[in-house]
Amino acid sequence: ASKQQFFGAQFDPAGAVPVTEVAKMLEGKESVQVKFTST
């Protein structure tokens, strides 16, 4: 649908979770590796 521009490491954006899921994923953990989508 639109042009995509990558900065830093190029990665597959497929499977990214909504940003609202990040806080839930962090519950009980110090850190979490994740791909998320936001504005």
Full PDB file with SEQRES, HELIX, SHEET, SSBOND, CRYST1, ORIGX, SCALE, CONECT and MASTER records, all heavy atoms in Angstrom:
SEQRES   1 A   39  ALA SER LYS GLN GLN PHE PHE GLY ALA GLN PHE ASP PRO          
SEQRES   2 A   39  ALA GLY ALA VAL PRO VAL THR GLU VAL ALA LYS MET LEU          
SEQRES   3 A   39  GLU GLY LYS GLU SER VAL GLN VAL LYS PHE THR SER THR          
HELIX    1 AA1 THR A   20  LEU A   26  1                                   7    
SHEET    1 AA1 2 VAL A  17  PRO A  18  0                                        
SHEET    2 AA1 2 PHE A  36  THR A  37  1                                        
CRYST1    1.000    1.000    1.000  90.00  90.00  90.00 P 1           1          
ORIGX1      1.000000  0.000000  0.000000        0.00000                         
ORIGX2      0.000000  1.000000  0.000000        0.00000                         
ORIGX3      0.000000  0.000000  1.000000        0.00000                         
SCALE1      1.000000  0.000000  0.000000        0.00000                         
SCALE2      0.000000  1.000000  0.000000        0.00000                         
SCALE3      0.000000  0.000000  1.000000        0.00000                         
ATOM      1  N   ALA A   1       0.810  -1.208   0.000  1.00  0.00           N  
ATOM      2  CA  ALA A   1       0.000   0.000   0.000  1.00  0.00           C  
ATOM      3  C   ALA A   1       0.849   1.265   0.000  1.00  0.00           C  
ATOM      4  O   ALA A   1       0.415   2.287  -0.497  1.00  0.00           O  
ATOM      5  CB  ALA A   1      -0.917   0.012   1.219  1.00  0.00           C  
ATOM      6  N   SER A   2       2.038   1.206   0.579  1.00  0.00           N  
ATOM      7  CA  SER A   2       2.859   2.410   0.656  1.00  0.00           C  
ATOM      8  C   SER A   2       4.327   2.034   0.721  1.00  0.00           C  
ATOM      9  O   SER A   2       4.693   0.903   0.985  1.00  0.00           O  
ATOM     10  CB  SER A   2       2.468   3.227   1.893  1.00  0.00           C  
ATOM     11  OG  SER A   2       2.781   2.514   3.056  1.00  0.00           O  
ATOM     12  N   LYS A   3       5.157   3.027   0.510  1.00  0.00           N  
ATOM     13  CA  LYS A   3       6.595   2.838   0.559  1.00  0.00           C  
ATOM     14  C   LYS A   3       7.031   2.606   2.004  1.00  0.00           C  
ATOM     15  O   LYS A   3       6.555   3.262   2.914  1.00  0.00           O  
ATOM     16  CB  LYS A   3       7.247   4.098   0.000  1.00  0.00           C  
ATOM     17  CG  LYS A   3       8.695   3.988  -0.279  1.00  0.00           C  
ATOM     18  CD  LYS A   3       9.148   5.281  -0.925  1.00  0.00           C  
ATOM     19  CE  LYS A   3      10.517   5.141  -1.501  1.00  0.00           C  
ATOM     20  NZ  LYS A   3      10.947   6.394  -2.112  1.00  0.00           N  
ATOM     21  N   GLN A   4       7.927   1.665   2.204  1.00  0.00           N  
ATOM     22  CA  GLN A   4       8.459   1.368   3.530  1.00  0.00           C  
ATOM     23  C   GLN A   4       9.939   1.739   3.545  1.00  0.00           C  
ATOM     24  O   GLN A   4      10.667   1.415   2.618  1.00  0.00           O  
ATOM     25  CB  GLN A   4       8.311  -0.116   3.847  1.00  0.00           C  
ATOM     26  CG  GLN A   4       6.899  -0.601   3.875  1.00  0.00           C  
ATOM     27  CD  GLN A   4       6.813  -2.109   4.064  1.00  0.00           C  
ATOM     28  OE1 GLN A   4       7.725  -2.841   3.718  1.00  0.00           O  
ATOM     29  NE2 GLN A   4       5.712  -2.557   4.616  1.00  0.00           N  
ATOM     30  N   GLN A   5      10.359   2.395   4.601  1.00  0.00           N  
ATOM     31  CA  GLN A   5      11.767   2.739   4.742  1.00  0.00           C  
ATOM     32  C   GLN A   5      12.258   2.168   6.061  1.00  0.00           C  
ATOM     33  O   GLN A   5      11.652   2.389   7.107  1.00  0.00           O  
ATOM     34  CB  GLN A   5      11.965   4.248   4.682  1.00  0.00           C  
ATOM     35  CG  GLN A   5      13.418   4.628   4.541  1.00  0.00           C  
ATOM     36  CD  GLN A   5      13.602   6.052   4.081  1.00  0.00           C  
ATOM     37  OE1 GLN A   5      12.667   6.717   3.673  1.00  0.00           O  
ATOM     38  NE2 GLN A   5      14.823   6.528   4.163  1.00  0.00           N  
ATOM     39  N   PHE A   6      13.363   1.430   6.008  1.00  0.00           N  
ATOM     40  CA  PHE A   6      13.947   0.812   7.195  1.00  0.00           C  
ATOM     41  C   PHE A   6      15.135   1.639   7.673  1.00  0.00           C  
ATOM     42  O   PHE A   6      15.932   2.123   6.877  1.00  0.00           O  
ATOM     43  CB  PHE A   6      14.419  -0.618   6.895  1.00  0.00           C  
ATOM     44  CG  PHE A   6      13.292  -1.593   6.751  1.00  0.00           C  
ATOM     45  CD1 PHE A   6      12.605  -1.714   5.560  1.00  0.00           C  
ATOM     46  CD2 PHE A   6      12.923  -2.387   7.815  1.00  0.00           C  
ATOM     47  CE1 PHE A   6      11.556  -2.613   5.425  1.00  0.00           C  
ATOM     48  CE2 PHE A   6      11.895  -3.299   7.691  1.00  0.00           C  
ATOM     49  CZ  PHE A   6      11.204  -3.408   6.503  1.00  0.00           C  
ATOM     50  N   PHE A   7      15.261   1.727   8.998  1.00  0.00           N  
ATOM     51  CA  PHE A   7      16.395   2.375   9.641  1.00  0.00           C  
ATOM     52  C   PHE A   7      16.986   1.359  10.598  1.00  0.00           C  
ATOM     53  O   PHE A   7      16.265   0.689  11.325  1.00  0.00           O  
ATOM     54  CB  PHE A   7      15.942   3.640  10.384  1.00  0.00           C  
ATOM     55  CG  PHE A   7      15.328   4.654   9.468  1.00  0.00           C  
ATOM     56  CD1 PHE A   7      13.971   4.601   9.165  1.00  0.00           C  
ATOM     57  CD2 PHE A   7      16.103   5.638   8.875  1.00  0.00           C  
ATOM     58  CE1 PHE A   7      13.394   5.516   8.302  1.00  0.00           C  
ATOM     59  CE2 PHE A   7      15.528   6.557   8.008  1.00  0.00           C  
ATOM     60  CZ  PHE A   7      14.179   6.491   7.723  1.00  0.00           C  
ATOM     61  N   GLY A   8      18.309   1.233  10.605  1.00  0.00           N  
ATOM     62  CA  GLY A   8      18.946   0.206  11.412  1.00  0.00           C  
ATOM     63  C   GLY A   8      18.846  -1.125  10.704  1.00  0.00           C  
ATOM     64  O   GLY A   8      18.890  -1.193   9.474  1.00  0.00           O  
ATOM     65  N   ALA A   9      18.683  -2.193  11.467  1.00  0.00           N  
ATOM     66  CA  ALA A   9      18.615  -3.544  10.894  1.00  0.00           C  
ATOM     67  C   ALA A   9      17.298  -3.733  10.141  1.00  0.00           C  
ATOM     68  O   ALA A   9      16.238  -3.360  10.636  1.00  0.00           O  
ATOM     69  CB  ALA A   9      18.728  -4.579  12.002  1.00  0.00           C  
ATOM     70  N   GLN A  10      17.400  -4.285   8.951  1.00  0.00           N  
ATOM     71  CA  GLN A  10      16.185  -4.603   8.202  1.00  0.00           C  
ATOM     72  C   GLN A  10      15.624  -5.911   8.762  1.00  0.00           C  
ATOM     73  O   GLN A  10      16.373  -6.825   9.098  1.00  0.00           O  
ATOM     74  CB  GLN A  10      16.478  -4.734   6.713  1.00  0.00           C  
ATOM     75  CG  GLN A  10      15.214  -4.795   5.885  1.00  0.00           C  
ATOM     76  CD  GLN A  10      15.473  -4.572   4.402  1.00  0.00           C  
ATOM     77  OE1 GLN A  10      16.612  -4.409   3.981  1.00  0.00           O  
ATOM     78  NE2 GLN A  10      14.414  -4.570   3.629  1.00  0.00           N  
ATOM     79  N   PHE A  11      14.311  -6.000   8.889  1.00  0.00           N  
ATOM     80  CA  PHE A  11      13.665  -7.163   9.476  1.00  0.00           C  
ATOM     81  C   PHE A  11      12.329  -7.378   8.777  1.00  0.00           C  
ATOM     82  O   PHE A  11      11.846  -6.507   8.047  1.00  0.00           O  
ATOM     83  CB  PHE A  11      13.466  -6.976  10.985  1.00  0.00           C  
ATOM     84  CG  PHE A  11      12.611  -5.780  11.321  1.00  0.00           C  
ATOM     85  CD1 PHE A  11      11.239  -5.912  11.529  1.00  0.00           C  
ATOM     86  CD2 PHE A  11      13.171  -4.513  11.419  1.00  0.00           C  
ATOM     87  CE1 PHE A  11      10.450  -4.814  11.819  1.00  0.00           C  
ATOM     88  CE2 PHE A  11      12.382  -3.399  11.708  1.00  0.00           C  
ATOM     89  CZ  PHE A  11      11.022  -3.554  11.909  1.00  0.00           C  
ATOM     90  N   ASP A  12      11.727  -8.534   9.019  1.00  0.00           N  
ATOM     91  CA  ASP A  12      10.416  -8.839   8.459  1.00  0.00           C  
ATOM     92  C   ASP A  12       9.361  -8.276   9.414  1.00  0.00           C  
ATOM     93  O   ASP A  12       9.241  -8.753  10.549  1.00  0.00           O  
ATOM     94  CB  ASP A  12      10.251 -10.347   8.307  1.00  0.00           C  
ATOM     95  CG  ASP A  12       8.924 -10.741   7.684  1.00  0.00           C  
ATOM     96  OD1 ASP A  12       8.120  -9.849   7.332  1.00  0.00           O  
ATOM     97  OD2 ASP A  12       8.690 -11.957   7.550  1.00  0.00           O  
ATOM     98  N   PRO A  13       8.579  -7.281   8.992  1.00  0.00           N  
ATOM     99  CA  PRO A  13       7.577  -6.701   9.887  1.00  0.00           C  
ATOM    100  C   PRO A  13       6.378  -7.613  10.161  1.00  0.00           C  
ATOM    101  O   PRO A  13       5.585  -7.338  11.054  1.00  0.00           O  
ATOM    102  CB  PRO A  13       7.144  -5.420   9.174  1.00  0.00           C  
ATOM    103  CG  PRO A  13       7.609  -5.532   7.784  1.00  0.00           C  
ATOM    104  CD  PRO A  13       8.703  -6.547   7.737  1.00  0.00           C  
ATOM    105  N   ALA A  14       6.258  -8.714   9.432  1.00  0.00           N  
ATOM    106  CA  ALA A  14       5.150  -9.646   9.651  1.00  0.00           C  
ATOM    107  C   ALA A  14       5.193 -10.175  11.077  1.00  0.00           C  
ATOM    108  O   ALA A  14       6.260 -10.448  11.623  1.00  0.00           O  
ATOM    109  CB  ALA A  14       5.219 -10.792   8.653  1.00  0.00           C  
ATOM    110  N   GLY A  15       4.044 -10.310  11.672  1.00  0.00           N  
ATOM    111  CA  GLY A  15       3.960 -10.842  13.022  1.00  0.00           C  
ATOM    112  C   GLY A  15       4.106  -9.803  14.116  1.00  0.00           C  
ATOM    113  O   GLY A  15       4.096 -10.153  15.301  1.00  0.00           O  
ATOM    114  N   ALA A  16       4.230  -8.528  13.761  1.00  0.00           N  
ATOM    115  CA  ALA A  16       4.330  -7.480  14.777  1.00  0.00           C  
ATOM    116  C   ALA A  16       3.009  -7.386  15.541  1.00  0.00           C  
ATOM    117  O   ALA A  16       1.936  -7.484  14.952  1.00  0.00           O  
ATOM    118  CB  ALA A  16       4.671  -6.140  14.127  1.00  0.00           C  
ATOM    119  N   VAL A  17       3.111  -7.201  16.848  1.00  0.00           N  
ATOM    120  CA  VAL A  17       1.922  -7.080  17.687  1.00  0.00           C  
ATOM    121  C   VAL A  17       1.540  -5.608  17.820  1.00  0.00           C  
ATOM    122  O   VAL A  17       2.389  -4.729  17.656  1.00  0.00           O  
ATOM    123  CB  VAL A  17       2.156  -7.702  19.084  1.00  0.00           C  
ATOM    124  CG1 VAL A  17       2.505  -9.180  18.971  1.00  0.00           C  
ATOM    125  CG2 VAL A  17       3.228  -6.945  19.855  1.00  0.00           C  
ATOM    126  N   PRO A  18       0.294  -5.317  18.152  1.00  0.00           N  
ATOM    127  CA  PRO A  18      -0.074  -3.930  18.444  1.00  0.00           C  
ATOM    128  C   PRO A  18       0.699  -3.442  19.670  1.00  0.00           C  
ATOM    129  O   PRO A  18       0.986  -4.226  20.586  1.00  0.00           O  
ATOM    130  CB  PRO A  18      -1.574  -4.005  18.743  1.00  0.00           C  
ATOM    131  CG  PRO A  18      -2.036  -5.306  18.190  1.00  0.00           C  
ATOM    132  CD  PRO A  18      -0.847  -6.227  18.222  1.00  0.00           C  
ATOM    133  N   VAL A  19       1.025  -2.178  19.717  1.00  0.00           N  
ATOM    134  CA  VAL A  19       1.808  -1.615  20.820  1.00  0.00           C  
ATOM    135  C   VAL A  19       1.139  -1.855  22.169  1.00  0.00           C  
ATOM    136  O   VAL A  19       1.819  -1.981  23.194  1.00  0.00           O  
ATOM    137  CB  VAL A  19       2.091  -0.112  20.580  1.00  0.00           C  
ATOM    138  CG1 VAL A  19       0.813   0.714  20.701  1.00  0.00           C  
ATOM    139  CG2 VAL A  19       3.176   0.402  21.507  1.00  0.00           C  
ATOM    140  N   THR A  20      -0.169  -1.960  22.204  1.00  0.00           N  
ATOM    141  CA  THR A  20      -0.884  -2.188  23.461  1.00  0.00           C  
ATOM    142  C   THR A  20      -0.536  -3.533  24.090  1.00  0.00           C  
ATOM    143  O   THR A  20      -0.747  -3.720  25.287  1.00  0.00           O  
ATOM    144  CB  THR A  20      -2.408  -2.100  23.234  1.00  0.00           C  
ATOM    145  OG1 THR A  20      -2.765  -2.996  22.178  1.00  0.00           O  
ATOM    146  CG2 THR A  20      -2.823  -0.683  22.877  1.00  0.00           C  
ATOM    147  N   GLU A  21       0.015  -4.461  23.335  1.00  0.00           N  
ATOM    148  CA  GLU A  21       0.390  -5.778  23.855  1.00  0.00           C  
ATOM    149  C   GLU A  21       1.739  -5.762  24.582  1.00  0.00           C  
ATOM    150  O   GLU A  21       2.036  -6.673  25.352  1.00  0.00           O  
ATOM    151  CB  GLU A  21       0.443  -6.802  22.716  1.00  0.00           C  
ATOM    152  CG  GLU A  21      -0.896  -7.062  22.057  1.00  0.00           C  
ATOM    153  CD  GLU A  21      -1.901  -7.688  23.011  1.00  0.00           C  
ATOM    154  OE1 GLU A  21      -1.536  -8.672  23.694  1.00  0.00           O  
ATOM    155  OE2 GLU A  21      -3.031  -7.189  23.078  1.00  0.00           O  
ATOM    156  N   VAL A  22       2.554  -4.748  24.342  1.00  0.00           N  
ATOM    157  CA  VAL A  22       3.907  -4.723  24.909  1.00  0.00           C  
ATOM    158  C   VAL A  22       3.872  -4.733  26.435  1.00  0.00           C  
ATOM    159  O   VAL A  22       4.596  -5.496  27.078  1.00  0.00           O  
ATOM    160  CB  VAL A  22       4.715  -3.528  24.365  1.00  0.00           C  
ATOM    161  CG1 VAL A  22       6.085  -3.434  25.037  1.00  0.00           C  
ATOM    162  CG2 VAL A  22       4.876  -3.638  22.850  1.00  0.00           C  
ATOM    163  N   ALA A  23       3.019  -3.902  27.050  1.00  0.00           N  
ATOM    164  CA  ALA A  23       2.938  -3.856  28.517  1.00  0.00           C  
ATOM    165  C   ALA A  23       2.509  -5.208  29.070  1.00  0.00           C  
ATOM    166  O   ALA A  23       3.043  -5.670  30.088  1.00  0.00           O  
ATOM    167  CB  ALA A  23       1.971  -2.765  28.961  1.00  0.00           C  
ATOM    168  N   LYS A  24       1.583  -5.873  28.409  1.00  0.00           N  
ATOM    169  CA  LYS A  24       1.131  -7.200  28.855  1.00  0.00           C  
ATOM    170  C   LYS A  24       2.266  -8.211  28.757  1.00  0.00           C  
ATOM    171  O   LYS A  24       2.427  -9.067  29.627  1.00  0.00           O  
ATOM    172  CB  LYS A  24      -0.051  -7.671  28.004  1.00  0.00           C  
ATOM    173  CG  LYS A  24      -1.290  -6.829  28.181  1.00  0.00           C  
ATOM    174  CD  LYS A  24      -2.363  -7.253  27.193  1.00  0.00           C  
ATOM    175  CE  LYS A  24      -3.488  -6.239  27.164  1.00  0.00           C  
ATOM    176  NZ  LYS A  24      -4.443  -6.497  26.083  1.00  0.00           N  
ATOM    177  N   MET A  25       3.057  -8.121  27.695  1.00  0.00           N  
ATOM    178  CA  MET A  25       4.170  -9.050  27.502  1.00  0.00           C  
ATOM    179  C   MET A  25       5.255  -8.854  28.567  1.00  0.00           C  
ATOM    180  O   MET A  25       5.990  -9.786  28.897  1.00  0.00           O  
ATOM    181  CB  MET A  25       4.766  -8.881  26.099  1.00  0.00           C  
ATOM    182  CG  MET A  25       3.803  -9.288  24.991  1.00  0.00           C  
ATOM    183  SD  MET A  25       4.411  -8.851  23.348  1.00  0.00           S  
ATOM    184  CE  MET A  25       5.658 -10.117  23.126  1.00  0.00           C  
ATOM    185  N   LEU A  26       5.369  -7.630  29.105  1.00  0.00           N  
ATOM    186  CA  LEU A  26       6.386  -7.316  30.110  1.00  0.00           C  
ATOM    187  C   LEU A  26       5.988  -7.733  31.520  1.00  0.00           C  
ATOM    188  O   LEU A  26       6.845  -7.756  32.408  1.00  0.00           O  
ATOM    189  CB  LEU A  26       6.672  -5.816  30.109  1.00  0.00           C  
ATOM    190  CG  LEU A  26       7.833  -5.337  29.271  1.00  0.00           C  
ATOM    191  CD1 LEU A  26       7.878  -3.822  29.215  1.00  0.00           C  
ATOM    192  CD2 LEU A  26       9.150  -5.902  29.717  1.00  0.00           C  
ATOM    193  N   GLU A  27       4.728  -8.053  31.757  1.00  0.00           N  
ATOM    194  CA  GLU A  27       4.276  -8.403  33.103  1.00  0.00           C  
ATOM    195  C   GLU A  27       5.103  -9.559  33.650  1.00  0.00           C  
ATOM    196  O   GLU A  27       5.208 -10.615  33.039  1.00  0.00           O  
ATOM    197  CB  GLU A  27       2.784  -8.756  33.094  1.00  0.00           C  
ATOM    198  CG  GLU A  27       1.904  -7.544  32.884  1.00  0.00           C  
ATOM    199  CD  GLU A  27       0.421  -7.889  32.817  1.00  0.00           C  
ATOM    200  OE1 GLU A  27       0.038  -9.055  33.036  1.00  0.00           O  
ATOM    201  OE2 GLU A  27      -0.350  -6.959  32.517  1.00  0.00           O  
ATOM    202  N   GLY A  28       5.723  -9.318  34.819  1.00  0.00           N  
ATOM    203  CA  GLY A  28       6.530 -10.339  35.472  1.00  0.00           C  
ATOM    204  C   GLY A  28       7.910 -10.536  34.876  1.00  0.00           C  
ATOM    205  O   GLY A  28       8.634 -11.440  35.278  1.00  0.00           O  
ATOM    206  N   LYS A  29       8.299  -9.709  33.919  1.00  0.00           N  
ATOM    207  CA  LYS A  29       9.609  -9.832  33.270  1.00  0.00           C  
ATOM    208  C   LYS A  29      10.350  -8.500  33.337  1.00  0.00           C  
ATOM    209  O   LYS A  29       9.745  -7.450  33.411  1.00  0.00           O  
ATOM    210  CB  LYS A  29       9.445 -10.236  31.799  1.00  0.00           C  
ATOM    211  CG  LYS A  29       8.751 -11.557  31.601  1.00  0.00           C  
ATOM    212  CD  LYS A  29       8.550 -11.827  30.130  1.00  0.00           C  
ATOM    213  CE  LYS A  29       7.754 -13.110  29.936  1.00  0.00           C  
ATOM    214  NZ  LYS A  29       7.385 -13.307  28.555  1.00  0.00           N  
ATOM    215  N   GLU A  30      11.670  -8.568  33.259  1.00  0.00           N  
ATOM    216  CA  GLU A  30      12.476  -7.349  33.202  1.00  0.00           C  
ATOM    217  C   GLU A  30      12.523  -6.766  31.807  1.00  0.00           C  
ATOM    218  O   GLU A  30      12.594  -5.557  31.623  1.00  0.00           O  
ATOM    219  CB  GLU A  30      13.900  -7.627  33.685  1.00  0.00           C  
ATOM    220  CG  GLU A  30      14.001  -7.839  35.168  1.00  0.00           C  
ATOM    221  CD  GLU A  30      15.442  -7.959  35.624  1.00  0.00           C  
ATOM    222  OE1 GLU A  30      16.339  -7.370  35.001  1.00  0.00           O  
ATOM    223  OE2 GLU A  30      15.656  -8.668  36.620  1.00  0.00           O  
ATOM    224  N   SER A  31      12.516  -7.655  30.797  1.00  0.00           N  
ATOM    225  CA  SER A  31      12.582  -7.195  29.409  1.00  0.00           C  
ATOM    226  C   SER A  31      11.961  -8.250  28.503  1.00  0.00           C  
ATOM    227  O   SER A  31      11.787  -9.403  28.917  1.00  0.00           O  
ATOM    228  CB  SER A  31      14.026  -6.914  28.983  1.00  0.00           C  
ATOM    229  OG  SER A  31      14.778  -8.106  28.977  1.00  0.00           O  
ATOM    230  N   VAL A  32      11.637  -7.838  27.289  1.00  0.00           N  
ATOM    231  CA  VAL A  32      11.079  -8.762  26.311  1.00  0.00           C  
ATOM    232  C   VAL A  32      11.494  -8.317  24.904  1.00  0.00           C  
ATOM    233  O   VAL A  32      11.495  -7.136  24.598  1.00  0.00           O  
ATOM    234  CB  VAL A  32       9.537  -8.865  26.438  1.00  0.00           C  
ATOM    235  CG1 VAL A  32       8.859  -7.551  26.133  1.00  0.00           C  
ATOM    236  CG2 VAL A  32       8.984  -9.973  25.573  1.00  0.00           C  
ATOM    237  N   GLN A  33      11.916  -9.293  24.090  1.00  0.00           N  
ATOM    238  CA  GLN A  33      12.232  -9.047  22.672  1.00  0.00           C  
ATOM    239  C   GLN A  33      10.907  -9.059  21.925  1.00  0.00           C  
ATOM    240  O   GLN A  33      10.128 -10.002  22.058  1.00  0.00           O  
ATOM    241  CB  GLN A  33      13.154 -10.151  22.140  1.00  0.00           C  
ATOM    242  CG  GLN A  33      13.459 -10.066  20.664  1.00  0.00           C  
ATOM    243  CD  GLN A  33      14.560  -9.077  20.344  1.00  0.00           C  
ATOM    244  OE1 GLN A  33      15.480  -8.902  21.121  1.00  0.00           O  
ATOM    245  NE2 GLN A  33      14.462  -8.432  19.206  1.00  0.00           N  
ATOM    246  N   VAL A  34      10.626  -8.013  21.131  1.00  0.00           N  
ATOM    247  CA  VAL A  34       9.327  -7.907  20.475  1.00  0.00           C  
ATOM    248  C   VAL A  34       9.396  -7.027  19.236  1.00  0.00           C  
ATOM    249  O   VAL A  34      10.282  -6.176  19.121  1.00  0.00           O  
ATOM    250  CB  VAL A  34       8.259  -7.356  21.474  1.00  0.00           C  
ATOM    251  CG1 VAL A  34       8.579  -5.936  21.889  1.00  0.00           C  
ATOM    252  CG2 VAL A  34       6.856  -7.457  20.925  1.00  0.00           C  
ATOM    253  N   LYS A  35       8.465  -7.256  18.317  1.00  0.00           N  
ATOM    254  CA  LYS A  35       8.203  -6.352  17.191  1.00  0.00           C  
ATOM    255  C   LYS A  35       6.797  -5.817  17.414  1.00  0.00           C  
ATOM    256  O   LYS A  35       5.871  -6.601  17.641  1.00  0.00           O  
ATOM    257  CB  LYS A  35       8.214  -7.082  15.847  1.00  0.00           C  
ATOM    258  CG  LYS A  35       9.536  -7.573  15.378  1.00  0.00           C  
ATOM    259  CD  LYS A  35       9.457  -8.140  13.973  1.00  0.00           C  
ATOM    260  CE  LYS A  35       8.659  -9.444  13.959  1.00  0.00           C  
ATOM    261  NZ  LYS A  35       8.726 -10.142  12.663  1.00  0.00           N  
ATOM    262  N   PHE A  36       6.640  -4.502  17.391  1.00  0.00           N  
ATOM    263  CA  PHE A  36       5.311  -3.940  17.568  1.00  0.00           C  
ATOM    264  C   PHE A  36       5.044  -2.867  16.511  1.00  0.00           C  
ATOM    265  O   PHE A  36       5.945  -2.313  15.919  1.00  0.00           O  
ATOM    266  CB  PHE A  36       5.120  -3.358  18.980  1.00  0.00           C  
ATOM    267  CG  PHE A  36       5.896  -2.105  19.245  1.00  0.00           C  
ATOM    268  CD1 PHE A  36       5.392  -0.854  18.897  1.00  0.00           C  
ATOM    269  CD2 PHE A  36       7.127  -2.156  19.862  1.00  0.00           C  
ATOM    270  CE1 PHE A  36       6.104   0.311  19.147  1.00  0.00           C  
ATOM    271  CE2 PHE A  36       7.855  -1.005  20.121  1.00  0.00           C  
ATOM    272  CZ  PHE A  36       7.334   0.233  19.759  1.00  0.00           C  
ATOM    273  N   THR A  37       3.762  -2.594  16.318  1.00  0.00           N  
ATOM    274  CA  THR A  37       3.347  -1.551  15.385  1.00  0.00           C  
ATOM    275  C   THR A  37       2.690  -0.416  16.162  1.00  0.00           C  
ATOM    276  O   THR A  37       2.017  -0.665  17.175  1.00  0.00           O  
ATOM    277  CB  THR A  37       2.409  -2.113  14.295  1.00  0.00           C  
ATOM    278  OG1 THR A  37       2.095  -1.087  13.371  1.00  0.00           O  
ATOM    279  CG2 THR A  37       1.140  -2.680  14.882  1.00  0.00           C  
ATOM    280  N   SER A  38       2.927   0.799  15.736  1.00  0.00           N  
ATOM    281  CA  SER A  38       2.380   1.970  16.411  1.00  0.00           C  
ATOM    282  C   SER A  38       2.376   3.157  15.452  1.00  0.00           C  
ATOM    283  O   SER A  38       2.692   3.019  14.270  1.00  0.00           O  
ATOM    284  CB  SER A  38       3.205   2.304  17.659  1.00  0.00           C  
ATOM    285  OG  SER A  38       2.585   3.341  18.396  1.00  0.00           O  
ATOM    286  N   THR A  39       2.052   4.310  16.008  1.00  0.00           N  
ATOM    287  CA  THR A  39       2.059   5.572  15.260  1.00  0.00           C  
ATOM    288  C   THR A  39       3.078   6.504  15.894  1.00  0.00           C  
ATOM    289  O   THR A  39       3.094   6.677  17.123  1.00  0.00           O  
ATOM    290  CB  THR A  39       0.663   6.226  15.300  1.00  0.00           C  
ATOM    291  OG1 THR A  39      -0.284   5.301  14.793  1.00  0.00           O  
ATOM    292  CG2 THR A  39       0.630   7.497  14.470  1.00  0.00           C  
TER     293      THR A  39                                                      
MASTER        0    0    0    1    2    0    0    6  292    1    0    3          
END                                                                             
